[in-house]
N, C-alpha and C. Protein backbone atom coordinates (compact mmCIF):
# COMPACT_ATOMS: atom_id res chain seq x y z
N UNK A 1 13.00 5.47 58.39
CA UNK A 1 12.26 5.54 59.63
C UNK A 1 12.46 4.30 60.47
N UNK A 2 12.01 4.42 61.69
CA UNK A 2 12.03 3.31 62.63
C UNK A 2 10.96 3.58 63.68
N UNK A 3 10.91 2.75 64.68
CA UNK A 3 9.93 2.92 65.75
C UNK A 3 10.68 2.79 67.07
N UNK A 4 11.17 3.93 67.58
CA UNK A 4 12.05 3.92 68.73
C UNK A 4 12.14 5.34 69.31
N UNK A 5 12.50 5.44 70.59
CA UNK A 5 12.82 6.73 71.20
C UNK A 5 14.32 6.72 71.44
N UNK A 6 14.99 7.70 70.86
CA UNK A 6 16.45 7.79 70.99
C UNK A 6 16.79 9.02 71.83
N UNK A 7 17.80 8.87 72.68
CA UNK A 7 18.15 9.93 73.63
C UNK A 7 19.66 10.21 73.58
N UNK A 8 20.08 11.39 74.06
CA UNK A 8 21.50 11.78 74.02
C UNK A 8 22.41 10.84 74.83
N UNK A 9 23.58 10.82 74.38
CA UNK A 9 24.21 11.58 73.32
C UNK A 9 24.09 10.86 71.99
N UNK A 10 24.06 11.62 70.91
CA UNK A 10 24.04 11.06 69.56
C UNK A 10 25.44 10.95 68.98
N UNK A 11 26.42 11.40 69.70
CA UNK A 11 27.78 11.48 69.19
C UNK A 11 28.74 11.08 70.32
N UNK A 12 29.91 10.63 69.95
CA UNK A 12 30.97 10.42 70.93
C UNK A 12 32.29 10.92 70.34
N UNK A 13 33.30 11.03 71.18
CA UNK A 13 34.56 11.63 70.75
C UNK A 13 35.22 10.89 69.59
N UNK A 14 35.01 9.58 69.52
CA UNK A 14 35.68 8.77 68.50
C UNK A 14 34.91 8.68 67.19
N UNK A 15 33.66 9.13 67.19
CA UNK A 15 32.87 9.11 65.97
C UNK A 15 32.41 7.72 65.55
N UNK A 16 32.27 6.81 66.51
CA UNK A 16 31.82 5.45 66.19
C UNK A 16 30.49 5.16 66.89
N UNK A 17 29.83 4.13 66.47
CA UNK A 17 28.56 3.74 67.07
C UNK A 17 28.83 2.99 68.37
N UNK A 18 28.79 3.73 69.48
CA UNK A 18 29.03 3.17 70.81
C UNK A 18 28.20 3.96 71.81
N UNK A 19 27.80 3.32 72.91
CA UNK A 19 26.99 4.01 73.92
C UNK A 19 27.73 5.26 74.40
N UNK A 20 27.05 6.39 74.33
CA UNK A 20 27.65 7.65 74.74
C UNK A 20 26.77 8.26 75.83
N UNK A 21 27.14 7.99 77.06
CA UNK A 21 26.34 8.35 78.23
C UNK A 21 26.43 9.83 78.57
N UNK A 22 25.28 10.46 78.71
CA UNK A 22 25.25 11.86 79.15
C UNK A 22 25.21 11.91 80.68
N UNK A 23 25.49 13.04 81.28
CA UNK A 23 25.39 13.15 82.74
C UNK A 23 23.98 12.87 83.26
N UNK A 24 22.96 13.05 82.43
CA UNK A 24 21.58 12.83 82.83
C UNK A 24 21.00 11.58 82.17
N UNK A 25 21.84 10.58 81.95
CA UNK A 25 21.44 9.37 81.24
C UNK A 25 20.21 8.71 81.87
N UNK A 26 20.16 8.61 83.17
CA UNK A 26 19.02 7.95 83.84
C UNK A 26 17.71 8.71 83.59
N UNK A 27 17.78 10.03 83.58
CA UNK A 27 16.58 10.83 83.30
C UNK A 27 16.13 10.62 81.86
N UNK A 28 17.07 10.64 80.93
CA UNK A 28 16.72 10.42 79.53
C UNK A 28 16.11 9.04 79.32
N UNK A 29 16.66 8.02 79.97
CA UNK A 29 16.09 6.68 79.85
C UNK A 29 14.66 6.65 80.40
N UNK A 30 14.44 7.32 81.51
CA UNK A 30 13.09 7.37 82.11
C UNK A 30 12.10 8.05 81.15
N UNK A 31 12.51 9.16 80.56
CA UNK A 31 11.64 9.86 79.61
C UNK A 31 11.34 8.98 78.39
N UNK A 32 12.37 8.35 77.86
CA UNK A 32 12.19 7.49 76.69
C UNK A 32 11.28 6.31 77.00
N UNK A 33 11.47 5.69 78.15
CA UNK A 33 10.63 4.56 78.54
C UNK A 33 9.18 4.98 78.80
N UNK A 34 8.99 6.17 79.35
CA UNK A 34 7.63 6.65 79.58
C UNK A 34 6.86 6.67 78.27
N UNK A 35 7.53 7.03 77.20
CA UNK A 35 6.88 7.06 75.89
C UNK A 35 6.72 5.65 75.33
N UNK A 36 7.79 4.89 75.29
CA UNK A 36 7.77 3.60 74.60
C UNK A 36 6.85 2.58 75.26
N UNK A 37 6.73 2.60 76.58
CA UNK A 37 5.89 1.62 77.28
C UNK A 37 4.43 1.69 76.87
N UNK A 38 3.99 2.85 76.43
CA UNK A 38 2.59 3.03 76.04
C UNK A 38 2.35 2.71 74.56
N UNK A 39 3.39 2.36 73.83
CA UNK A 39 3.27 1.99 72.42
C UNK A 39 3.73 0.53 72.32
N UNK A 40 2.78 -0.39 72.30
CA UNK A 40 3.08 -1.82 72.38
C UNK A 40 4.08 -2.27 71.31
N UNK A 41 3.89 -1.84 70.09
CA UNK A 41 4.78 -2.27 69.01
C UNK A 41 6.19 -1.72 69.21
N UNK A 42 6.29 -0.46 69.65
CA UNK A 42 7.60 0.14 69.91
C UNK A 42 8.30 -0.58 71.05
N UNK A 43 7.58 -0.85 72.13
CA UNK A 43 8.16 -1.44 73.33
C UNK A 43 8.73 -2.84 73.08
N UNK A 44 8.19 -3.54 72.08
CA UNK A 44 8.69 -4.89 71.76
C UNK A 44 10.14 -4.86 71.29
N UNK A 45 10.55 -3.77 70.70
CA UNK A 45 11.96 -3.60 70.33
C UNK A 45 12.38 -4.01 68.94
N UNK A 46 11.55 -4.73 68.21
CA UNK A 46 11.89 -5.15 66.84
C UNK A 46 10.75 -4.79 65.90
N UNK A 47 10.43 -3.53 65.76
CA UNK A 47 9.23 -3.15 65.02
C UNK A 47 9.33 -3.21 63.50
N UNK A 48 10.52 -3.17 62.95
CA UNK A 48 10.67 -3.10 61.49
C UNK A 48 11.38 -4.33 60.96
N UNK A 49 10.94 -5.50 61.36
CA UNK A 49 11.62 -6.75 61.01
C UNK A 49 11.76 -6.95 59.51
N UNK A 50 10.75 -6.56 58.74
CA UNK A 50 10.81 -6.74 57.29
C UNK A 50 11.89 -5.87 56.65
N UNK A 51 12.07 -4.67 57.18
CA UNK A 51 13.04 -3.72 56.61
C UNK A 51 14.43 -3.87 57.23
N UNK A 52 14.46 -4.06 58.55
CA UNK A 52 15.73 -4.13 59.29
C UNK A 52 15.70 -5.36 60.21
N UNK A 53 15.93 -6.55 59.67
CA UNK A 53 15.77 -7.79 60.44
C UNK A 53 16.68 -7.92 61.66
N UNK A 54 17.82 -7.25 61.67
CA UNK A 54 18.73 -7.38 62.81
C UNK A 54 18.61 -6.23 63.81
N UNK A 55 17.79 -5.24 63.50
CA UNK A 55 17.66 -4.08 64.39
C UNK A 55 16.82 -4.45 65.61
N UNK A 56 17.36 -4.18 66.80
CA UNK A 56 16.65 -4.48 68.04
C UNK A 56 16.92 -3.37 69.05
N UNK A 57 15.84 -2.83 69.62
CA UNK A 57 15.94 -1.78 70.63
C UNK A 57 15.27 -2.30 71.91
N UNK A 58 16.05 -2.73 72.90
CA UNK A 58 15.43 -3.21 74.14
C UNK A 58 14.46 -2.18 74.72
N UNK A 59 13.25 -2.61 74.95
CA UNK A 59 12.18 -1.77 75.50
C UNK A 59 11.83 -0.58 74.61
N UNK A 60 12.22 -0.62 73.35
CA UNK A 60 11.85 0.43 72.41
C UNK A 60 12.62 1.73 72.54
N UNK A 61 13.77 1.69 73.21
CA UNK A 61 14.58 2.90 73.37
C UNK A 61 16.04 2.61 72.99
N UNK A 62 16.78 3.67 72.69
CA UNK A 62 18.21 3.50 72.41
C UNK A 62 18.97 4.80 72.66
N UNK A 63 20.19 4.64 73.06
CA UNK A 63 21.10 5.77 73.10
C UNK A 63 21.45 6.08 71.65
N UNK A 64 21.34 7.35 71.27
CA UNK A 64 21.54 7.73 69.88
C UNK A 64 22.85 7.27 69.28
N UNK A 65 23.95 7.51 69.97
CA UNK A 65 25.27 7.15 69.43
C UNK A 65 25.45 5.64 69.34
N UNK A 66 24.78 4.88 70.21
CA UNK A 66 24.88 3.43 70.12
C UNK A 66 24.18 2.91 68.86
N UNK A 67 23.11 3.60 68.48
CA UNK A 67 22.37 3.21 67.27
C UNK A 67 23.21 3.58 66.04
N UNK A 68 23.49 4.87 65.88
CA UNK A 68 24.42 5.35 64.86
C UNK A 68 24.88 6.75 65.26
N UNK A 69 26.11 7.07 64.94
CA UNK A 69 26.74 8.31 65.36
C UNK A 69 26.27 9.49 64.51
N UNK A 70 25.85 10.57 65.19
CA UNK A 70 25.40 11.79 64.50
C UNK A 70 26.17 12.98 65.09
N UNK A 71 27.28 13.36 64.49
CA UNK A 71 28.01 14.52 65.00
C UNK A 71 27.24 15.82 64.75
N UNK A 72 27.18 16.67 65.77
CA UNK A 72 26.54 17.97 65.62
C UNK A 72 25.03 17.93 65.56
N UNK A 73 24.43 16.89 66.11
CA UNK A 73 22.97 16.77 66.09
C UNK A 73 22.27 17.77 67.00
N UNK A 74 21.02 18.08 66.65
CA UNK A 74 20.27 19.09 67.38
C UNK A 74 19.97 18.70 68.82
N UNK A 75 19.63 17.43 69.08
CA UNK A 75 19.29 17.08 70.46
C UNK A 75 20.51 17.19 71.38
N UNK A 76 21.69 16.87 70.90
CA UNK A 76 22.89 17.05 71.70
C UNK A 76 23.20 18.54 71.89
N UNK A 77 23.08 19.31 70.82
CA UNK A 77 23.37 20.74 70.92
C UNK A 77 22.42 21.40 71.92
N UNK A 78 21.14 21.12 71.82
CA UNK A 78 20.17 21.70 72.75
C UNK A 78 20.47 21.31 74.18
N UNK A 79 20.83 20.07 74.40
CA UNK A 79 21.14 19.60 75.76
C UNK A 79 22.38 20.31 76.31
N UNK A 80 23.44 20.38 75.51
CA UNK A 80 24.70 20.96 75.98
C UNK A 80 24.68 22.48 76.10
N UNK A 81 23.95 23.16 75.21
CA UNK A 81 24.02 24.63 75.15
C UNK A 81 22.81 25.36 75.72
N UNK A 82 21.69 24.65 75.89
CA UNK A 82 20.50 25.33 76.43
C UNK A 82 19.87 24.58 77.59
N UNK A 83 20.46 23.44 77.97
CA UNK A 83 19.95 22.60 79.04
C UNK A 83 18.55 22.08 78.74
N UNK A 84 18.23 21.94 77.46
CA UNK A 84 16.95 21.40 77.01
C UNK A 84 17.08 19.89 76.89
N UNK A 85 16.21 19.16 77.57
CA UNK A 85 16.23 17.71 77.52
C UNK A 85 15.36 17.26 76.34
N UNK A 86 16.01 16.86 75.28
CA UNK A 86 15.32 16.52 74.05
C UNK A 86 15.57 15.06 73.70
N UNK A 87 14.52 14.37 73.25
CA UNK A 87 14.65 13.03 72.72
C UNK A 87 14.12 13.05 71.28
N UNK A 88 14.49 12.06 70.51
CA UNK A 88 13.99 11.92 69.15
C UNK A 88 13.06 10.72 69.12
N UNK A 89 11.84 10.94 68.70
CA UNK A 89 10.85 9.87 68.64
C UNK A 89 10.60 9.51 67.18
N UNK A 90 11.02 8.31 66.81
CA UNK A 90 10.78 7.80 65.46
C UNK A 90 9.44 7.07 65.53
N UNK A 91 8.49 7.48 64.70
CA UNK A 91 7.11 7.00 64.81
C UNK A 91 6.73 5.83 63.92
N UNK A 92 7.60 5.44 63.01
CA UNK A 92 7.22 4.32 62.16
C UNK A 92 8.31 3.89 61.21
N UNK A 93 8.16 2.69 60.71
CA UNK A 93 9.14 2.10 59.81
C UNK A 93 9.16 2.78 58.45
N UNK A 94 8.04 3.37 58.08
CA UNK A 94 7.94 4.08 56.81
C UNK A 94 8.12 5.57 57.08
N UNK A 95 9.12 6.15 56.46
CA UNK A 95 9.45 7.55 56.74
C UNK A 95 8.35 8.52 56.32
N UNK A 96 7.68 8.25 55.21
CA UNK A 96 6.63 9.13 54.70
C UNK A 96 5.34 8.33 54.51
N UNK A 97 4.57 8.11 55.58
CA UNK A 97 3.33 7.33 55.45
C UNK A 97 2.28 8.08 54.64
N UNK A 98 1.36 7.32 54.08
CA UNK A 98 0.26 7.91 53.32
C UNK A 98 -0.70 8.61 54.29
N UNK A 99 -1.36 9.65 53.80
CA UNK A 99 -2.26 10.44 54.63
C UNK A 99 -3.34 9.59 55.29
N UNK A 100 -3.86 8.62 54.58
CA UNK A 100 -4.93 7.79 55.15
C UNK A 100 -4.44 6.88 56.29
N UNK A 101 -3.13 6.74 56.44
CA UNK A 101 -2.58 5.95 57.54
C UNK A 101 -2.35 6.77 58.81
N UNK A 102 -2.44 8.08 58.72
CA UNK A 102 -2.14 8.94 59.87
C UNK A 102 -3.05 8.69 61.08
N UNK A 103 -4.35 8.43 60.91
CA UNK A 103 -5.17 8.13 62.10
C UNK A 103 -4.65 6.93 62.90
N UNK A 104 -4.09 5.95 62.21
CA UNK A 104 -3.50 4.78 62.89
C UNK A 104 -2.32 5.22 63.78
N UNK A 105 -1.53 6.15 63.28
CA UNK A 105 -0.41 6.66 64.07
C UNK A 105 -0.90 7.37 65.33
N UNK A 106 -1.98 8.09 65.21
CA UNK A 106 -2.55 8.77 66.37
C UNK A 106 -2.98 7.75 67.42
N UNK A 107 -3.67 6.71 67.00
CA UNK A 107 -4.12 5.67 67.92
C UNK A 107 -2.92 5.01 68.61
N UNK A 108 -1.88 4.73 67.85
CA UNK A 108 -0.70 4.06 68.41
C UNK A 108 0.10 4.95 69.36
N UNK A 109 0.00 6.26 69.22
CA UNK A 109 0.87 7.16 69.98
C UNK A 109 0.17 8.09 70.96
N UNK A 110 -1.15 8.12 70.97
CA UNK A 110 -1.89 9.03 71.85
C UNK A 110 -1.53 8.83 73.32
N UNK A 111 -1.59 7.60 73.79
CA UNK A 111 -1.27 7.32 75.20
C UNK A 111 0.20 7.62 75.50
N UNK A 112 1.07 7.33 74.54
CA UNK A 112 2.50 7.62 74.71
C UNK A 112 2.73 9.11 74.90
N UNK A 113 2.08 9.91 74.06
CA UNK A 113 2.23 11.37 74.16
C UNK A 113 1.73 11.90 75.50
N UNK A 114 0.60 11.39 75.95
CA UNK A 114 0.06 11.83 77.24
C UNK A 114 1.00 11.44 78.39
N UNK A 115 1.50 10.22 78.34
CA UNK A 115 2.44 9.76 79.38
C UNK A 115 3.73 10.58 79.36
N UNK A 116 4.20 10.89 78.17
CA UNK A 116 5.41 11.70 78.02
C UNK A 116 5.21 13.09 78.63
N UNK A 117 4.06 13.71 78.36
CA UNK A 117 3.77 15.04 78.93
C UNK A 117 3.67 14.99 80.46
N UNK A 118 3.21 13.90 81.00
CA UNK A 118 3.10 13.77 82.46
C UNK A 118 4.47 13.78 83.15
N UNK A 119 5.51 13.52 82.41
CA UNK A 119 6.85 13.47 83.00
C UNK A 119 7.35 14.83 83.47
N UNK A 120 6.71 15.90 83.01
CA UNK A 120 7.11 17.25 83.42
C UNK A 120 7.00 17.37 84.92
């Protein structure tokens, strides 16, 4: 897990981790920022220092392929084949948090979710 909003493209022609700009890159960045700005820890860009000390996401967002290459990913497929604008929101450094920690996630992400929905 991590704490970041990742947007298309998740893949590039060469199969390497490099920025892969979609035709709607500016829109995807705006959607991702709308979410991350309301989550203070995410927006800082280095949320998982103990687990990933060198990982840094400026403003809490990243282009998927720049982070790591995912050929055939669902968000790219949906964008290319159904015109669905999809982002991937990673909610925490721990992939499977304990049930008693879930209310904390709600508090951290409630405003982000509302701001994200307002983008419609």
